[in-house]
Protein backbone atom coordinates (compact mmCIF):
# COMPACT_ATOMS: atom_id res chain seq x y z
CA MET A 1 -0.01 0.00 -0.01
CA GLU A 2 1.26 3.46 -0.90
CA ARG A 3 1.31 5.43 2.32
CA THR A 4 -0.96 8.46 2.74
CA ARG A 5 0.87 11.74 3.31
CA VAL A 6 -0.10 13.34 6.63
CA GLY A 7 0.54 16.69 8.27
CA ILE A 8 0.60 17.61 11.94
CA ILE A 9 -0.86 21.02 12.89
CA GLY A 10 0.68 21.90 16.24
CA ALA A 11 3.62 19.56 15.68
CA THR A 12 5.98 21.13 18.23
CA GLY A 13 3.71 20.59 21.27
CA MET A 14 3.48 17.51 23.47
CA VAL A 15 0.56 15.94 21.59
CA GLY A 16 2.22 16.77 18.25
CA GLN A 17 5.41 15.07 19.41
CA ASN A 18 3.41 12.00 20.37
CA TYR A 19 1.91 11.90 16.88
CA LEU A 20 5.40 11.86 15.39
CA ARG A 21 6.53 9.12 17.74
CA LEU A 22 3.50 6.92 17.00
CA LEU A 23 3.53 7.57 13.25
CA ASP A 24 7.19 6.64 12.85
CA ASP A 25 7.17 3.64 10.47
CA HIS A 26 3.36 3.54 10.39
CA PRO A 27 2.27 1.12 7.63
CA TRP A 28 -0.47 3.43 6.22
CA PHE A 29 0.66 6.98 7.00
CA GLN A 30 3.85 8.97 6.42
CA VAL A 31 4.45 12.42 7.96
CA THR A 32 5.40 14.82 5.20
CA HIS A 33 4.32 18.14 6.72
CA VAL A 34 4.74 19.74 10.15
CA ALA A 35 3.23 23.08 11.10
CA ALA A 36 3.11 25.26 14.18
CA SER A 37 2.76 28.89 15.21
CA SER A 38 4.81 31.63 13.51
CA ARG A 39 7.31 31.46 16.41
CA SER A 40 8.52 28.02 15.22
CA ALA A 41 7.95 28.40 11.47
CA GLY A 42 10.82 28.49 9.01
CA ARG A 43 13.22 26.24 10.97
CA PRO A 44 13.98 22.53 10.65
CA TYR A 45 11.77 20.63 13.08
CA ALA A 46 14.70 19.36 15.14
CA ASP A 47 15.80 22.96 15.72
CA ALA A 48 12.28 24.14 16.49
CA VAL A 49 11.94 21.61 19.37
CA ALA A 50 15.54 21.80 20.61
CA GLY A 51 15.51 21.66 24.38
CA ARG A 52 11.78 20.80 24.54
CA TRP A 53 11.46 17.37 22.91
CA VAL A 54 9.86 15.40 25.77
CA MET A 55 9.42 11.92 24.22
CA ASP A 56 11.56 8.96 25.21
CA HIS A 57 11.62 8.03 21.48
CA PRO A 58 14.18 10.11 19.50
CA ILE A 59 12.93 12.57 16.89
CA PRO A 60 12.24 10.52 13.72
CA GLU A 61 15.15 11.18 11.37
CA LEU A 62 13.10 12.17 8.35
CA VAL A 63 10.86 14.44 10.38
CA GLY A 64 13.79 16.21 12.06
CA HIS A 65 14.81 17.71 8.69
CA LEU A 66 11.33 18.89 7.69
CA ILE A 67 10.92 22.70 7.72
CA VAL A 68 8.18 23.78 10.11
CA ASP A 69 5.47 25.67 8.25
CA ASP A 70 3.08 28.30 9.58
CA VAL A 71 -0.28 26.74 10.46
CA ASN A 72 -2.07 29.44 8.49
CA ASP A 73 -0.31 28.56 5.22
CA LEU A 74 -2.97 26.32 3.66
CA GLU A 75 -1.43 26.42 0.19
CA THR A 76 1.73 24.70 1.38
CA ALA A 77 -0.24 22.16 3.41
CA MET A 78 -2.28 21.23 0.32
CA ARG A 79 0.89 20.53 -1.65
CA ARG A 80 2.58 18.46 1.07
CA CYS A 81 -0.12 16.29 2.57
CA ASP A 82 -3.47 14.56 2.04
CA VAL A 83 -4.84 14.59 5.61
CA VAL A 84 -3.97 16.54 8.77
CA PHE A 85 -3.99 15.85 12.50
CA SER A 86 -4.85 18.97 14.45
CA CYS A 87 -3.50 19.54 17.95
CA ILE A 88 -2.77 23.27 17.79
CA GLY A 89 -3.01 25.18 21.07
CA ALA A 90 -5.26 28.23 20.58
CA ASP A 91 -8.63 29.57 21.67
CA GLU A 92 -11.69 27.66 20.48
CA GLN A 93 -12.82 30.17 17.91
CA ALA A 94 -9.38 30.35 16.28
CA VAL A 95 -9.17 26.53 16.23
CA ARG A 96 -12.67 26.25 14.76
CA GLU A 97 -11.85 28.65 11.93
CA LEU A 98 -8.47 27.05 11.27
CA GLU A 99 -9.81 23.51 11.02
CA GLU A 100 -12.71 24.61 8.86
CA GLY A 101 -10.22 26.33 6.56
CA TYR A 102 -8.23 23.14 6.09
CA ALA A 103 -11.40 21.12 5.45
CA ALA A 104 -12.66 23.67 2.96
CA ALA A 105 -9.37 23.39 1.12
CA GLY A 106 -10.00 19.67 0.64
CA LEU A 107 -8.08 18.12 3.52
CA PRO A 108 -9.68 15.71 6.02
CA VAL A 109 -8.97 16.98 9.54
CA ILE A 110 -8.74 14.66 12.56
CA SER A 111 -8.72 16.86 15.62
CA ASN A 112 -7.64 16.52 19.25
CA ASN A 113 -9.18 19.88 20.04
CA SER A 114 -12.55 20.48 21.72
CA ALA A 115 -13.71 23.26 19.36
CA HIS A 116 -15.89 20.99 17.16
CA ARG A 117 -16.85 18.27 19.67
CA HIS A 118 -20.38 19.49 19.92
CA THR A 119 -20.82 20.76 16.34
CA GLY A 120 -24.02 19.15 15.06
CA ASP A 121 -22.59 17.46 11.96
CA VAL A 122 -19.11 16.60 13.22
CA PRO A 123 -18.58 13.01 14.46
CA MET A 124 -16.78 12.55 17.82
CA LEU A 125 -15.22 9.11 17.45
CA THR A 126 -14.24 6.33 19.77
CA PRO A 127 -13.76 3.74 17.02
CA GLU A 128 -14.77 0.73 19.12
CA VAL A 129 -17.99 2.47 20.17
CA ASN A 130 -19.41 4.54 17.29
CA PRO A 131 -17.58 3.76 13.99
CA HIS A 132 -20.94 4.13 12.19
CA HIS A 133 -21.03 7.87 13.07
CA THR A 134 -18.72 8.54 10.12
CA ALA A 135 -21.84 8.10 8.00
CA ILE A 136 -22.60 11.80 8.66
CA ILE A 137 -19.51 12.90 6.67
CA PRO A 138 -21.36 13.09 3.31
CA SER A 139 -23.94 15.36 4.91
CA GLN A 140 -21.21 17.44 6.52
CA ARG A 141 -19.52 17.91 3.16
CA LYS A 142 -22.78 18.74 1.41
CA ASN A 143 -23.88 21.20 4.14
CA ARG A 144 -20.60 23.11 3.92
CA GLY A 145 -19.75 22.78 0.24
CA TRP A 146 -16.59 20.77 1.01
CA GLY A 147 -15.17 18.31 -1.49
CA ALA A 148 -12.78 15.76 -0.04
CA GLY A 149 -12.37 17.71 3.20
CA CYS A 150 -14.10 16.90 6.47
CA ILE A 151 -13.69 17.29 10.24
CA VAL A 152 -13.67 14.39 12.72
CA VAL A 153 -12.81 14.85 16.39
CA LYS A 154 -11.81 12.60 19.29
CA PRO A 155 -13.33 12.97 22.74
CA ASN A 156 -11.68 14.06 25.96
CA CYS A 157 -9.01 11.72 27.28
CA SER A 158 -10.95 10.89 30.46
CA VAL A 159 -13.93 9.64 28.46
CA GLN A 160 -11.89 6.99 26.72
CA THR A 161 -10.87 5.54 30.07
CA TYR A 162 -14.30 4.30 31.04
CA LEU A 163 -16.67 4.48 28.07
CA PRO A 164 -15.49 1.40 26.08
CA PRO A 165 -16.10 -1.08 28.96
CA VAL A 166 -19.47 0.55 29.66
CA TYR A 167 -20.35 0.37 25.97
CA ALA A 168 -19.36 -3.28 25.78
CA LEU A 169 -22.03 -4.05 28.39
CA MET A 170 -24.61 -1.94 26.53
CA ALA A 171 -23.77 -3.64 23.23
CA ALA A 172 -24.41 -7.01 24.96
CA GLY A 173 -27.93 -5.88 25.81
CA HIS A 174 -27.46 -4.45 29.31
CA ALA A 175 -28.75 -0.86 29.11
CA VAL A 176 -27.08 1.51 31.56
CA GLU A 177 -29.20 4.20 33.24
CA ASN A 178 -26.82 6.02 35.61
CA ILE A 179 -23.02 6.35 35.85
CA VAL A 180 -21.01 7.88 38.70
CA VAL A 181 -17.35 8.22 37.79
CA SER A 182 -14.36 9.63 39.73
CA THR A 183 -11.29 10.15 37.53
CA LEU A 184 -7.71 10.27 38.81
CA GLN A 185 -5.96 12.04 35.92
CA ALA A 186 -2.25 12.06 35.22
CA VAL A 187 -0.25 15.31 35.07
CA SER A 188 0.62 14.75 31.41
CA GLY A 189 -3.04 15.39 30.59
CA GLY A 190 -2.34 19.07 31.36
CA GLY A 191 0.33 19.29 28.63
CA TYR A 192 3.96 20.33 29.03
CA PRO A 193 5.21 21.76 31.40
CA GLY A 194 1.76 21.40 32.96
CA VAL A 195 0.98 21.78 36.65
CA ALA A 196 3.78 23.30 38.75
CA ALA A 197 5.72 20.64 40.67
CA LEU A 198 5.19 22.29 44.05
CA ASN A 199 1.42 22.22 43.46
CA MET A 200 1.43 18.57 42.41
CA LEU A 201 3.93 16.77 44.65
CA ASP A 202 2.41 15.29 47.82
CA ASN A 203 -0.98 16.51 46.63
CA VAL A 204 -4.26 15.83 44.81
CA ILE A 205 -6.01 18.71 43.03
CA PRO A 206 -9.81 18.08 43.01
CA PHE A 207 -10.53 20.44 40.08
CA ILE A 208 -9.53 20.40 36.42
CA PRO A 209 -11.21 23.20 34.42
CA GLY A 210 -13.88 21.85 32.08
CA GLU A 211 -13.15 18.16 32.74
CA GLU A 212 -16.26 17.23 34.62
CA GLU A 213 -18.49 18.86 31.99
CA LYS A 214 -16.69 17.02 29.21
CA THR A 215 -16.71 13.70 31.04
CA GLU A 216 -20.49 13.97 31.60
CA ARG A 217 -21.60 15.39 28.24
CA GLU A 218 -19.36 13.92 25.52
CA PRO A 219 -20.45 10.27 25.98
CA LEU A 220 -24.04 11.28 25.25
CA LYS A 221 -23.07 12.37 21.76
CA ILE A 222 -20.84 9.30 21.20
CA LEU A 223 -23.75 7.03 22.21
CA GLY A 224 -26.30 9.10 20.28
CA SER A 225 -27.78 8.73 16.80
CA ILE A 226 -27.93 10.58 13.49
CA LYS A 227 -31.24 12.16 12.44
CA ALA A 228 -31.71 14.53 9.50
CA GLY A 229 -27.95 15.07 9.17
CA GLN A 230 -27.42 16.05 12.81
CA PHE A 231 -26.42 14.18 15.93
CA VAL A 232 -29.09 13.51 18.56
CA TYR A 233 -27.66 12.91 22.05
CA GLU A 234 -28.51 9.88 24.22
CA GLU A 235 -30.29 11.88 26.90
CA SER A 236 -31.67 8.84 28.76
CA LEU A 237 -28.24 8.22 30.30
CA ARG A 238 -27.17 10.32 33.31
CA ILE A 239 -23.49 10.73 34.26
CA SER A 240 -22.03 12.35 37.37
CA ALA A 241 -18.26 12.96 37.33
CA HIS A 242 -15.61 14.00 39.83
CA CYS A 243 -12.29 14.80 38.12
CA ASN A 244 -9.01 14.99 40.05
CA ARG A 245 -5.39 15.68 39.07
CA VAL A 246 -3.04 13.21 40.75
CA PRO A 247 0.80 12.94 40.88
CA VAL A 248 1.05 10.27 38.20
CA ILE A 249 2.95 10.94 34.95
CA ASP A 250 0.85 8.94 32.47
CA GLY A 251 -2.37 6.96 32.80
CA HIS A 252 -5.85 8.12 33.71
CA THR A 253 -7.76 5.96 36.22
CA ALA A 254 -11.54 5.95 36.58
CA CYS A 255 -13.52 4.54 39.52
CA VAL A 256 -16.94 3.74 38.05
CA SER A 257 -20.33 2.78 39.54
CA LEU A 258 -23.17 1.73 37.20
CA LYS A 259 -26.92 1.42 37.54
CA PHE A 260 -28.57 -0.78 34.89
CA ARG A 261 -31.97 0.12 33.43
CA SER A 262 -33.54 -3.27 34.09
CA GLY A 263 -31.92 -6.25 35.75
CA ARG A 264 -28.27 -6.71 36.46
CA PRO A 265 -25.86 -9.09 34.73
CA SER A 266 -23.82 -11.32 37.00
CA LEU A 267 -20.21 -10.37 37.71
CA ASP A 268 -19.04 -13.47 35.84
CA GLU A 269 -21.16 -12.49 32.81
CA ILE A 270 -19.69 -8.99 32.82
CA ILE A 271 -16.13 -10.34 32.85
CA VAL A 272 -16.95 -12.65 29.93
CA ILE A 273 -18.39 -9.70 27.99
CA TRP A 274 -15.27 -7.67 28.54
CA ASN A 275 -12.87 -10.52 27.76
CA THR A 276 -14.64 -11.39 24.48
CA PHE A 277 -15.46 -7.87 23.33
CA GLU A 278 -14.25 -6.79 19.90
CA ALA A 279 -15.47 -4.08 17.59
CA GLU A 280 -14.94 -2.74 14.08
CA PRO A 281 -11.24 -1.76 14.51
CA GLN A 282 -10.41 -5.35 15.58
CA ARG A 283 -12.64 -7.01 12.99
CA ILE A 284 -10.98 -5.17 10.11
CA SER A 285 -7.48 -5.25 11.69
CA LEU A 286 -6.70 -1.57 11.77
CA PRO A 287 -2.95 -1.11 12.45
CA SER A 288 -3.37 0.70 15.79
CA ALA A 289 -6.28 -1.43 17.04
CA PRO A 290 -5.47 -3.26 20.30
CA HIS A 291 -6.15 -6.96 20.51
CA PRO A 292 -8.00 -7.32 22.84
CA PRO A 293 -9.39 -3.80 23.30
CA ILE A 294 -10.38 -4.47 26.95
CA VAL A 295 -8.06 -6.30 29.32
CA TYR A 296 -9.58 -7.54 32.57
CA ARG A 297 -7.16 -7.87 35.47
CA GLU A 298 -8.03 -10.53 38.04
CA GLU A 299 -5.63 -9.18 40.71
CA ARG A 300 -7.39 -7.39 43.54
CA ASP A 301 -5.13 -4.32 43.32
CA ARG A 302 -5.13 -3.76 39.52
CA PRO A 303 -5.21 -1.88 37.20
CA GLN A 304 -2.38 0.46 38.17
CA PRO A 305 -0.90 3.20 35.98
CA ARG A 306 2.74 2.04 36.08
CA GLN A 307 1.87 -1.56 35.38
CA ASP A 308 -1.07 -1.32 33.01
CA ARG A 309 -1.04 1.94 31.01
CA ASP A 310 0.99 0.37 28.17
CA ALA A 311 -1.40 -2.57 27.61
CA GLY A 312 -1.98 -3.06 23.90
CA GLY A 313 0.80 -0.59 23.07
CA GLY A 314 -1.03 2.02 25.20
CA MET A 315 -4.24 1.56 23.22
CA ALA A 316 -6.12 -1.03 25.36
CA ILE A 317 -8.40 -0.25 28.30
CA SER A 318 -7.51 -2.14 31.50
CA VAL A 319 -10.32 -2.89 33.96
CA GLY A 320 -10.42 -4.58 37.33
CA ARG A 321 -11.91 -4.67 40.84
CA LEU A 322 -15.37 -5.56 39.55
CA ARG A 323 -17.71 -6.01 42.45
CA GLU A 324 -21.29 -5.33 43.57
CA CYS A 325 -22.19 -1.81 44.61
CA PRO A 326 -24.43 -1.20 47.65
CA VAL A 327 -25.86 1.98 46.12
CA MET A 328 -25.80 1.32 42.39
CA ASP A 329 -25.51 -2.16 40.78
CA VAL A 330 -21.83 -2.75 40.09
CA ARG A 331 -18.57 -0.89 40.38
CA PHE A 332 -15.11 -1.28 38.81
CA VAL A 333 -11.84 0.49 38.08
CA ALA A 334 -10.69 1.33 34.53
CA LEU A 335 -7.39 2.73 33.25
CA SER A 336 -6.03 3.95 29.92
CA HIS A 337 -2.90 5.71 28.65
CA ASN A 338 -4.05 9.30 28.33
CA THR A 339 -1.42 10.50 25.88
CA VAL A 340 -1.67 7.44 23.65
CA ARG A 341 -5.24 6.13 23.62
CA GLY A 342 -6.55 9.39 25.04
CA ALA A 343 -4.73 11.67 22.57
CA ALA A 344 -2.57 10.96 19.52
CA GLY A 345 -3.10 7.22 19.36
CA GLY A 346 -6.85 7.50 19.55
CA ALA A 347 -6.84 10.04 16.71
CA ILE A 348 -4.58 7.84 14.57
CA LEU A 349 -7.01 4.92 15.07
CA SER A 350 -9.83 7.21 13.91
CA ALA A 351 -7.82 8.16 10.82
CA GLU A 352 -7.23 4.47 10.06
CA LEU A 353 -10.99 3.88 10.30
CA LEU A 354 -11.67 6.82 7.96
CA LYS A 355 -9.15 5.44 5.45
CA ALA A 356 -10.60 1.94 5.63
CA GLN A 357 -14.10 3.42 5.03
CA GLY A 358 -12.90 5.44 2.03
CA TYR A 359 -13.19 8.94 3.55
CA ILE A 360 -9.42 9.47 3.25
CA GLU A 361 -8.15 8.90 -0.27
């Protein structure tokens, strides 16, 4: 297969660096374009990130020589790539206009940003949960007069920690009515350099701006439906979230309690559902799809960030501590790698799905 040329908008930041690490030697995609703000533009990428490359993986050799372009230079992007990943740091209105400009120019945009997460005709993908939501793309293109361009977004990193195991139960016929979730979110989720060390060491911060709202609202769109070219949210599900920043480098943990709509599956049945769950990315063998997507840990003290965040190359969801709940029905602990599954890796998986479905040429 001839590899698709991809560009990274916001390539010098932490998420952009993760994209470059994960796309190094990718079988379907090749990075041919890197763009950032005007402060970094005009220099070789290796020079632009000198002293602030934070990945353990070295800068990919071919990428290090690429000249960083200005994110506003659409003409150059159109010459150099066929699809772009957007992780530019800017205010929502600026991001919205920038991503729409790329899509209007004919480039599919897969975004880590929140600007378009609740736009009515933009799919917010967790590929194991709602791969069928890409069916709105023809309507999106028609509505906006776009040719080959489109916008697809990924949800907040905390959502991907607990939604796949909940969805697996729903897909097996066990409708969920209420969710109470407490997230313990790693410091890398705040970007680099992130929270000041003296605020984070020996401490837990029980507030992350916007996180609880995202954790409660975004799943309702992901689990929703398409009607008349717009997304309709799954309003029958209620979610209550507590989001905390904890002194862990990578790996978001979620403590989850569920109330089922009618009846409760046995604990053994739930474990079987999780252990046997597979979805479209696994069935069509997308390169970044974890096998299995959900890993159940039998140990009474797992999952743990240091031991389990890299499951499935950082793309699998680890769950454990399943037990009955005296207030709801059941409770469990889930964990995922927030900068892989929750950020660049999740977006790459979405791009693979789009390519497999023919939306990326």
